[in-house]
N, C-alpha and C. Protein backbone atom coordinates (compact mmCIF):
# COMPACT_ATOMS: atom_id res chain seq x y z
N MET A 1 0.85 -1.18 0.00
CA MET A 1 0.00 0.00 0.00
C MET A 1 0.88 1.24 0.00
N THR A 2 0.58 2.19 -0.82
CA THR A 2 1.33 3.43 -0.87
C THR A 2 0.88 4.32 0.28
N LYS A 3 1.83 4.93 0.93
CA LYS A 3 1.52 5.84 2.02
C LYS A 3 2.13 7.20 1.71
N THR A 4 1.50 8.22 2.23
CA THR A 4 2.02 9.57 2.10
C THR A 4 2.25 10.11 3.50
N THR A 5 3.33 10.80 3.65
CA THR A 5 3.62 11.44 4.92
C THR A 5 3.54 12.94 4.74
N ALA A 6 2.69 13.59 5.52
CA ALA A 6 2.68 15.06 5.52
C ALA A 6 3.83 15.48 6.41
N GLU A 7 4.89 15.98 5.82
CA GLU A 7 6.08 16.28 6.60
C GLU A 7 5.97 17.63 7.27
N LYS A 8 5.54 18.64 6.52
CA LYS A 8 5.34 19.92 7.16
C LYS A 8 4.58 20.85 6.25
N ASN A 9 3.84 21.71 6.88
CA ASN A 9 3.19 22.82 6.21
C ASN A 9 3.81 24.08 6.80
N ILE A 10 4.32 24.92 5.92
CA ILE A 10 4.99 26.14 6.34
C ILE A 10 4.27 27.28 5.65
N SER A 11 3.94 28.30 6.38
CA SER A 11 3.29 29.40 5.68
C SER A 11 3.63 30.74 6.32
N SER A 12 3.62 31.73 5.47
CA SER A 12 3.63 33.10 5.94
C SER A 12 2.23 33.60 5.63
N ASP A 13 1.96 34.85 5.86
CA ASP A 13 0.61 35.35 5.63
C ASP A 13 0.11 35.15 4.20
N LEU A 14 1.00 35.28 3.22
CA LEU A 14 0.54 35.25 1.83
C LEU A 14 1.20 34.16 1.00
N GLU A 15 1.75 33.13 1.65
CA GLU A 15 2.30 32.00 0.92
C GLU A 15 2.03 30.72 1.68
N LEU A 16 2.00 29.63 0.93
CA LEU A 16 1.75 28.31 1.50
C LEU A 16 2.81 27.36 0.97
N ILE A 17 3.43 26.62 1.87
CA ILE A 17 4.39 25.59 1.47
C ILE A 17 3.96 24.29 2.15
N ILE A 18 3.80 23.26 1.34
CA ILE A 18 3.47 21.93 1.85
C ILE A 18 4.54 20.97 1.34
N ILE A 19 5.15 20.24 2.25
CA ILE A 19 6.17 19.26 1.88
C ILE A 19 5.64 17.89 2.26
N ARG A 20 5.60 16.99 1.28
CA ARG A 20 5.11 15.64 1.53
C ARG A 20 6.00 14.62 0.84
N THR A 21 6.04 13.46 1.43
CA THR A 21 6.75 12.34 0.82
C THR A 21 5.72 11.32 0.36
N PHE A 22 5.79 10.97 -0.92
CA PHE A 22 4.92 9.94 -1.49
C PHE A 22 5.75 8.67 -1.66
N HIS A 23 5.18 7.57 -1.27
CA HIS A 23 5.86 6.28 -1.40
C HIS A 23 5.57 5.72 -2.80
N ALA A 24 6.07 6.45 -3.79
CA ALA A 24 5.88 6.11 -5.19
C ALA A 24 7.04 6.73 -5.97
N PRO A 25 7.39 6.15 -7.12
CA PRO A 25 8.48 6.72 -7.92
C PRO A 25 8.15 8.12 -8.45
N ARG A 26 9.19 8.93 -8.58
CA ARG A 26 9.01 10.31 -9.05
C ARG A 26 8.32 10.36 -10.41
N GLU A 27 8.67 9.47 -11.33
CA GLU A 27 8.04 9.47 -12.66
C GLU A 27 6.52 9.32 -12.56
N LEU A 28 6.05 8.47 -11.65
CA LEU A 28 4.61 8.28 -11.48
C LEU A 28 3.96 9.53 -10.88
N VAL A 29 4.61 10.14 -9.90
CA VAL A 29 4.06 11.37 -9.30
C VAL A 29 4.03 12.47 -10.36
N TRP A 30 5.07 12.56 -11.17
CA TRP A 30 5.10 13.55 -12.26
C TRP A 30 3.93 13.32 -13.22
N LYS A 31 3.72 12.09 -13.63
CA LYS A 31 2.61 11.79 -14.54
C LYS A 31 1.27 12.15 -13.91
N ALA A 32 1.13 11.91 -12.60
CA ALA A 32 -0.12 12.25 -11.91
C ALA A 32 -0.39 13.76 -11.95
N TRP A 33 0.67 14.56 -11.97
CA TRP A 33 0.54 16.02 -12.06
C TRP A 33 0.34 16.51 -13.49
N THR A 34 0.78 15.73 -14.49
CA THR A 34 0.85 16.28 -15.85
C THR A 34 0.00 15.57 -16.90
N GLU A 35 -0.51 14.41 -16.61
CA GLU A 35 -1.35 13.70 -17.58
C GLU A 35 -2.81 13.83 -17.16
N ILE A 36 -3.61 14.43 -18.04
CA ILE A 36 -5.00 14.77 -17.73
C ILE A 36 -5.78 13.57 -17.19
N GLU A 37 -5.64 12.40 -17.82
CA GLU A 37 -6.41 11.24 -17.39
C GLU A 37 -6.02 10.76 -15.99
N LEU A 38 -4.84 11.13 -15.53
CA LEU A 38 -4.43 10.81 -14.15
C LEU A 38 -4.79 11.97 -13.21
N LEU A 39 -4.56 13.17 -13.66
CA LEU A 39 -4.84 14.37 -12.86
C LEU A 39 -6.31 14.41 -12.43
N GLU A 40 -7.20 14.06 -13.33
CA GLU A 40 -8.63 14.14 -13.01
C GLU A 40 -9.07 13.11 -11.97
N ARG A 41 -8.19 12.20 -11.61
CA ARG A 41 -8.53 11.19 -10.61
C ARG A 41 -8.24 11.65 -9.18
N TRP A 42 -7.56 12.80 -9.01
CA TRP A 42 -7.22 13.22 -7.65
C TRP A 42 -7.26 14.72 -7.37
N ILE A 43 -7.31 15.58 -8.37
CA ILE A 43 -7.06 17.01 -8.21
C ILE A 43 -8.27 17.79 -7.69
N CYS A 44 -8.72 17.44 -6.49
CA CYS A 44 -9.80 18.17 -5.83
C CYS A 44 -9.71 17.91 -4.33
N PRO A 45 -10.31 18.79 -3.54
CA PRO A 45 -10.31 18.55 -2.09
C PRO A 45 -11.05 17.26 -1.74
N ARG A 46 -10.78 16.75 -0.56
CA ARG A 46 -11.48 15.53 -0.12
C ARG A 46 -12.98 15.81 -0.10
N ASP A 47 -13.73 14.80 -0.43
CA ASP A 47 -15.20 14.83 -0.50
C ASP A 47 -15.74 15.62 -1.70
N PHE A 48 -14.88 16.18 -2.52
CA PHE A 48 -15.30 16.82 -3.77
C PHE A 48 -15.13 15.78 -4.88
N LYS A 49 -15.66 16.08 -6.07
CA LYS A 49 -15.38 15.24 -7.23
C LYS A 49 -15.02 16.12 -8.42
N VAL A 50 -14.10 15.63 -9.21
CA VAL A 50 -13.68 16.36 -10.41
C VAL A 50 -14.77 16.18 -11.47
N THR A 51 -15.21 17.30 -12.08
CA THR A 51 -16.22 17.23 -13.13
C THR A 51 -15.60 17.32 -14.53
N PHE A 52 -14.46 17.99 -14.63
CA PHE A 52 -13.71 17.99 -15.89
C PHE A 52 -12.30 18.45 -15.61
N CYS A 53 -11.41 18.11 -16.51
CA CYS A 53 -10.01 18.49 -16.38
C CYS A 53 -9.45 18.60 -17.80
N GLN A 54 -8.82 19.72 -18.10
CA GLN A 54 -8.25 19.91 -19.43
C GLN A 54 -6.98 20.72 -19.33
N GLY A 55 -6.16 20.58 -20.31
CA GLY A 55 -4.94 21.36 -20.30
C GLY A 55 -4.01 21.01 -21.44
N GLU A 56 -3.10 21.94 -21.70
CA GLU A 56 -2.07 21.77 -22.70
C GLU A 56 -0.73 21.99 -22.00
N LEU A 57 -0.02 20.89 -21.76
CA LEU A 57 1.23 20.94 -21.00
C LEU A 57 2.37 21.46 -21.87
N THR A 58 2.37 22.77 -22.08
CA THR A 58 3.43 23.48 -22.77
C THR A 58 3.60 24.82 -22.06
N ILE A 59 4.76 25.42 -22.19
CA ILE A 59 4.95 26.75 -21.61
C ILE A 59 3.94 27.68 -22.28
N GLY A 60 3.15 28.37 -21.48
CA GLY A 60 2.09 29.24 -22.00
C GLY A 60 0.78 28.50 -22.24
N GLY A 61 0.80 27.19 -22.12
CA GLY A 61 -0.41 26.40 -22.29
C GLY A 61 -1.37 26.62 -21.13
N ARG A 62 -2.64 26.54 -21.40
CA ARG A 62 -3.67 26.79 -20.39
C ARG A 62 -4.16 25.46 -19.81
N TRP A 63 -4.60 25.51 -18.56
CA TRP A 63 -5.24 24.37 -17.92
C TRP A 63 -6.51 24.87 -17.23
N LYS A 64 -7.46 23.94 -17.03
CA LYS A 64 -8.72 24.30 -16.38
C LYS A 64 -9.31 23.04 -15.76
N THR A 65 -9.83 23.18 -14.54
CA THR A 65 -10.42 22.05 -13.83
C THR A 65 -11.72 22.48 -13.18
N GLY A 66 -12.70 21.60 -13.25
CA GLY A 66 -13.97 21.82 -12.57
C GLY A 66 -14.13 20.78 -11.47
N MET A 67 -14.73 21.19 -10.38
CA MET A 67 -14.97 20.25 -9.28
C MET A 67 -16.30 20.61 -8.63
N GLN A 68 -16.89 19.60 -8.04
CA GLN A 68 -18.19 19.77 -7.39
C GLN A 68 -18.05 19.46 -5.90
N SER A 69 -18.56 20.38 -5.08
CA SER A 69 -18.51 20.19 -3.62
C SER A 69 -19.61 19.21 -3.21
N PRO A 70 -19.53 18.71 -2.00
CA PRO A 70 -20.56 17.78 -1.53
C PRO A 70 -21.98 18.35 -1.59
N ASP A 71 -22.13 19.69 -1.50
CA ASP A 71 -23.46 20.28 -1.58
C ASP A 71 -23.90 20.55 -3.01
N GLY A 72 -23.07 20.15 -4.00
CA GLY A 72 -23.43 20.29 -5.41
C GLY A 72 -22.94 21.56 -6.08
N THR A 73 -22.25 22.42 -5.34
CA THR A 73 -21.74 23.66 -5.92
C THR A 73 -20.56 23.36 -6.83
N GLU A 74 -20.59 23.97 -8.04
CA GLU A 74 -19.51 23.81 -9.01
C GLU A 74 -18.45 24.88 -8.76
N HIS A 75 -17.19 24.45 -8.76
CA HIS A 75 -16.04 25.35 -8.61
C HIS A 75 -15.12 25.11 -9.79
N ILE A 76 -14.66 26.19 -10.42
CA ILE A 76 -13.78 26.08 -11.58
C ILE A 76 -12.54 26.92 -11.34
N CYS A 77 -11.38 26.34 -11.63
CA CYS A 77 -10.13 27.08 -11.52
C CYS A 77 -9.30 26.80 -12.77
N GLY A 78 -8.34 27.65 -13.00
CA GLY A 78 -7.49 27.46 -14.17
C GLY A 78 -6.26 28.34 -14.09
N GLY A 79 -5.46 28.24 -15.12
CA GLY A 79 -4.25 29.04 -15.15
C GLY A 79 -3.42 28.71 -16.38
N GLU A 80 -2.16 29.05 -16.28
CA GLU A 80 -1.22 28.91 -17.40
C GLU A 80 0.07 28.28 -16.89
N TYR A 81 0.61 27.36 -17.67
CA TYR A 81 1.90 26.75 -17.33
C TYR A 81 3.02 27.74 -17.60
N ARG A 82 3.89 27.92 -16.62
CA ARG A 82 4.99 28.87 -16.74
C ARG A 82 6.35 28.19 -16.90
N GLU A 83 6.53 27.03 -16.24
CA GLU A 83 7.81 26.32 -16.31
C GLU A 83 7.53 24.82 -16.21
N ILE A 84 8.19 24.05 -17.08
CA ILE A 84 8.02 22.60 -17.09
C ILE A 84 9.41 21.99 -17.22
N VAL A 85 9.85 21.29 -16.18
CA VAL A 85 11.15 20.62 -16.20
C VAL A 85 10.88 19.16 -15.81
N GLN A 86 10.66 18.33 -16.82
CA GLN A 86 10.29 16.94 -16.58
C GLN A 86 11.47 16.16 -16.03
N PRO A 87 11.34 15.37 -15.01
CA PRO A 87 10.18 15.11 -14.15
C PRO A 87 10.32 15.76 -12.78
N SER A 88 10.85 16.98 -12.73
CA SER A 88 11.20 17.52 -11.42
C SER A 88 10.54 18.84 -11.03
N LYS A 89 10.04 19.62 -11.99
CA LYS A 89 9.48 20.93 -11.61
C LYS A 89 8.35 21.34 -12.54
N LEU A 90 7.30 21.84 -11.92
CA LEU A 90 6.14 22.34 -12.65
C LEU A 90 5.70 23.64 -11.98
N VAL A 91 5.61 24.71 -12.78
CA VAL A 91 5.19 26.01 -12.25
C VAL A 91 4.01 26.49 -13.10
N PHE A 92 2.95 26.91 -12.41
CA PHE A 92 1.76 27.38 -13.12
C PHE A 92 1.01 28.41 -12.30
N THR A 93 0.22 29.23 -12.99
CA THR A 93 -0.64 30.17 -12.29
C THR A 93 -1.92 29.45 -11.90
N HIS A 94 -2.63 30.01 -10.92
CA HIS A 94 -3.86 29.41 -10.41
C HIS A 94 -4.83 30.53 -10.05
N ALA A 95 -6.05 30.45 -10.57
CA ALA A 95 -7.09 31.42 -10.22
C ALA A 95 -8.45 30.74 -10.28
N TRP A 96 -9.34 31.15 -9.40
CA TRP A 96 -10.72 30.65 -9.41
C TRP A 96 -11.54 31.49 -10.36
N GLU A 97 -12.49 30.85 -11.03
CA GLU A 97 -13.41 31.53 -11.93
C GLU A 97 -14.70 31.83 -11.19
N ASP A 98 -15.28 33.00 -11.45
CA ASP A 98 -16.60 33.28 -10.88
C ASP A 98 -17.68 32.77 -11.82
N GLU A 99 -18.93 32.99 -11.46
CA GLU A 99 -20.05 32.47 -12.25
C GLU A 99 -20.14 33.07 -13.66
N ASN A 100 -19.45 34.18 -13.90
CA ASN A 100 -19.42 34.81 -15.23
C ASN A 100 -18.19 34.41 -16.04
N GLY A 101 -17.37 33.52 -15.48
CA GLY A 101 -16.16 33.09 -16.18
C GLY A 101 -14.99 34.03 -15.99
N GLU A 102 -15.15 35.04 -15.12
CA GLU A 102 -14.06 35.98 -14.84
C GLU A 102 -13.12 35.38 -13.80
N LEU A 103 -11.82 35.55 -14.03
CA LEU A 103 -10.84 35.02 -13.09
C LEU A 103 -10.67 35.92 -11.88
N GLY A 104 -10.54 35.29 -10.73
CA GLY A 104 -10.27 36.01 -9.49
C GLY A 104 -8.78 36.25 -9.34
N PRO A 105 -8.35 36.55 -8.12
CA PRO A 105 -6.92 36.82 -7.87
C PRO A 105 -6.03 35.66 -8.30
N LEU A 106 -4.93 36.01 -8.91
CA LEU A 106 -3.97 35.04 -9.44
C LEU A 106 -2.92 34.69 -8.39
N THR A 107 -2.64 33.40 -8.25
CA THR A 107 -1.53 32.95 -7.42
C THR A 107 -0.57 32.17 -8.31
N LEU A 108 0.62 31.92 -7.79
CA LEU A 108 1.62 31.16 -8.52
C LEU A 108 1.94 29.90 -7.73
N VAL A 109 1.89 28.75 -8.41
CA VAL A 109 2.15 27.45 -7.80
C VAL A 109 3.43 26.88 -8.38
N SER A 110 4.29 26.37 -7.50
CA SER A 110 5.51 25.68 -7.92
C SER A 110 5.53 24.32 -7.23
N VAL A 111 5.69 23.27 -8.03
CA VAL A 111 5.76 21.91 -7.51
C VAL A 111 7.11 21.35 -7.91
N THR A 112 7.91 20.96 -6.92
CA THR A 112 9.19 20.31 -7.23
C THR A 112 9.16 18.90 -6.67
N LEU A 113 9.72 17.99 -7.44
CA LEU A 113 9.75 16.57 -7.09
C LEU A 113 11.20 16.10 -7.07
N ALA A 114 11.56 15.39 -6.01
CA ALA A 114 12.92 14.87 -5.89
C ALA A 114 12.87 13.40 -5.51
N ASP A 115 13.78 12.63 -6.09
CA ASP A 115 13.89 11.21 -5.76
C ASP A 115 14.42 11.04 -4.35
N GLU A 116 13.84 10.11 -3.64
CA GLU A 116 14.36 9.68 -2.34
C GLU A 116 14.25 8.16 -2.33
N LYS A 117 15.20 7.50 -3.01
CA LYS A 117 15.17 6.05 -3.21
C LYS A 117 13.90 5.67 -3.93
N GLU A 118 13.00 4.93 -3.31
CA GLU A 118 11.76 4.51 -3.97
C GLU A 118 10.61 5.46 -3.65
N LYS A 119 10.93 6.60 -3.06
CA LYS A 119 9.93 7.58 -2.67
C LYS A 119 10.14 8.86 -3.46
N THR A 120 9.17 9.76 -3.34
CA THR A 120 9.28 11.07 -3.97
C THR A 120 9.00 12.14 -2.94
N LEU A 121 9.92 13.08 -2.81
CA LEU A 121 9.72 14.23 -1.95
C LEU A 121 9.12 15.34 -2.81
N MET A 122 7.95 15.81 -2.41
CA MET A 122 7.28 16.90 -3.14
C MET A 122 7.28 18.15 -2.27
N ARG A 123 7.72 19.24 -2.90
CA ARG A 123 7.61 20.56 -2.26
C ARG A 123 6.62 21.35 -3.09
N PHE A 124 5.52 21.72 -2.48
CA PHE A 124 4.46 22.48 -3.11
C PHE A 124 4.47 23.87 -2.52
N GLU A 125 4.55 24.89 -3.36
CA GLU A 125 4.56 26.27 -2.89
C GLU A 125 3.56 27.09 -3.69
N GLN A 126 2.69 27.80 -2.99
CA GLN A 126 1.73 28.68 -3.65
C GLN A 126 1.88 30.06 -3.03
N THR A 127 2.09 31.06 -3.88
CA THR A 127 2.34 32.43 -3.41
C THR A 127 1.37 33.41 -4.06
N GLY A 128 1.25 34.58 -3.45
CA GLY A 128 0.45 35.65 -4.02
C GLY A 128 -0.97 35.72 -3.49
N PHE A 129 -1.23 35.12 -2.34
CA PHE A 129 -2.57 35.20 -1.77
C PHE A 129 -2.91 36.63 -1.38
N ILE A 130 -4.20 36.96 -1.42
CA ILE A 130 -4.63 38.30 -1.04
C ILE A 130 -5.04 38.38 0.42
N SER A 131 -5.17 37.20 1.08
CA SER A 131 -5.55 37.20 2.49
C SER A 131 -5.12 35.89 3.15
N VAL A 132 -5.04 35.93 4.47
CA VAL A 132 -4.74 34.73 5.24
C VAL A 132 -5.87 33.71 5.07
N GLU A 133 -7.10 34.20 5.01
CA GLU A 133 -8.25 33.31 4.84
C GLU A 133 -8.16 32.54 3.51
N SER A 134 -7.76 33.21 2.47
CA SER A 134 -7.59 32.55 1.17
C SER A 134 -6.50 31.50 1.26
N ARG A 135 -5.37 31.86 1.87
CA ARG A 135 -4.29 30.90 2.04
C ARG A 135 -4.76 29.68 2.82
N ASP A 136 -5.49 29.90 3.92
CA ASP A 136 -5.96 28.80 4.75
C ASP A 136 -6.93 27.89 3.99
N GLY A 137 -7.79 28.49 3.18
CA GLY A 137 -8.71 27.69 2.38
C GLY A 137 -7.97 26.82 1.38
N HIS A 138 -6.95 27.39 0.76
CA HIS A 138 -6.15 26.62 -0.18
C HIS A 138 -5.37 25.51 0.54
N GLU A 139 -4.87 25.81 1.73
CA GLU A 139 -4.14 24.78 2.47
C GLU A 139 -5.04 23.57 2.73
N ASP A 140 -6.25 23.83 3.16
CA ASP A 140 -7.19 22.74 3.42
C ASP A 140 -7.51 21.98 2.13
N GLY A 141 -7.77 22.71 1.05
CA GLY A 141 -8.08 22.08 -0.23
C GLY A 141 -6.94 21.25 -0.78
N TRP A 142 -5.74 21.82 -0.78
CA TRP A 142 -4.58 21.09 -1.30
C TRP A 142 -4.24 19.88 -0.44
N THR A 143 -4.36 20.03 0.89
CA THR A 143 -4.07 18.90 1.77
C THR A 143 -5.00 17.73 1.44
N GLY A 144 -6.27 18.01 1.23
CA GLY A 144 -7.22 16.97 0.83
C GLY A 144 -6.89 16.38 -0.54
N ALA A 145 -6.49 17.25 -1.46
CA ALA A 145 -6.11 16.76 -2.80
C ALA A 145 -4.89 15.86 -2.71
N PHE A 146 -3.92 16.23 -1.88
CA PHE A 146 -2.72 15.38 -1.76
C PHE A 146 -3.05 14.06 -1.06
N ASP A 147 -4.04 14.06 -0.18
CA ASP A 147 -4.52 12.79 0.37
C ASP A 147 -5.12 11.94 -0.74
N ASN A 148 -5.89 12.58 -1.64
CA ASN A 148 -6.44 11.87 -2.80
C ASN A 148 -5.32 11.33 -3.68
N LEU A 149 -4.28 12.13 -3.89
CA LEU A 149 -3.15 11.71 -4.71
C LEU A 149 -2.48 10.49 -4.09
N SER A 150 -2.32 10.50 -2.79
CA SER A 150 -1.72 9.36 -2.10
C SER A 150 -2.55 8.10 -2.33
N THR A 151 -3.86 8.22 -2.19
CA THR A 151 -4.75 7.08 -2.43
C THR A 151 -4.64 6.62 -3.87
N PHE A 152 -4.65 7.56 -4.81
CA PHE A 152 -4.53 7.23 -6.22
C PHE A 152 -3.22 6.49 -6.50
N LEU A 153 -2.13 6.99 -5.96
CA LEU A 153 -0.83 6.34 -6.20
C LEU A 153 -0.81 4.92 -5.66
N GLY A 154 -1.48 4.70 -4.54
CA GLY A 154 -1.56 3.36 -3.97
C GLY A 154 -2.38 2.43 -4.84
N GLU A 155 -3.51 2.92 -5.35
CA GLU A 155 -4.36 2.11 -6.21
C GLU A 155 -3.62 1.76 -7.49
N ASP A 156 -2.92 2.77 -8.04
CA ASP A 156 -2.20 2.56 -9.30
C ASP A 156 -1.08 1.53 -9.12
N LYS A 157 -0.37 1.62 -8.02
CA LYS A 157 0.76 0.74 -7.76
C LYS A 157 0.32 -0.71 -7.55
N ASP A 158 -0.87 -0.89 -6.95
CA ASP A 158 -1.35 -2.23 -6.62
C ASP A 158 -2.02 -2.94 -7.80
N LYS A 159 -2.21 -2.26 -8.92
CA LYS A 159 -2.88 -2.87 -10.08
C LYS A 159 -1.97 -3.83 -10.79
C-alpha cells in the first residue's frame, strides 16, 4: 500500500508551502501532475469530485479544472503553465473563476519533485494570496487533494 507522509506545512501570511513524501516513484508522481487522465482522478479537495479536467502541458499552455462540492456547488479554476522541467518541476498560475467566467486573484504554484530512493519528496509552494483566509482555504483544499493523490498512487501501484 502506498503511504504519504505530511512532513510539514509552512506558511507566511501570503504563501503556502506543503512538503510531503509519497511512497511512489518520481516518474509516477510527475505523470499524476501532468497527464489529464491521471490528474482528473485526484485534483480536488477531499469529499469533492472532479467534473472535468483539461490542459495543454506546454509553456504558456492553459489548464482548467472543474470540481463539485458535496453540496453540489460547481467550482472552476485554471491558469497557465509557466515552467516545465520533466520530471522535477512544474510552475503554473492558479485562479478561481466566478459564475461569469471571470478570473479572481492570481496565485503562482511551484511543484518540485525529488527522488528519495523509492519515494518522492514533493515541495508544493503557492504564493500571491490576497488574504490569510484565502491561504488557509487553499491549504485545506490542497491537503485533501494530496490525500487523494496518495490514495490514487496506492491504487495505481497495486494494479
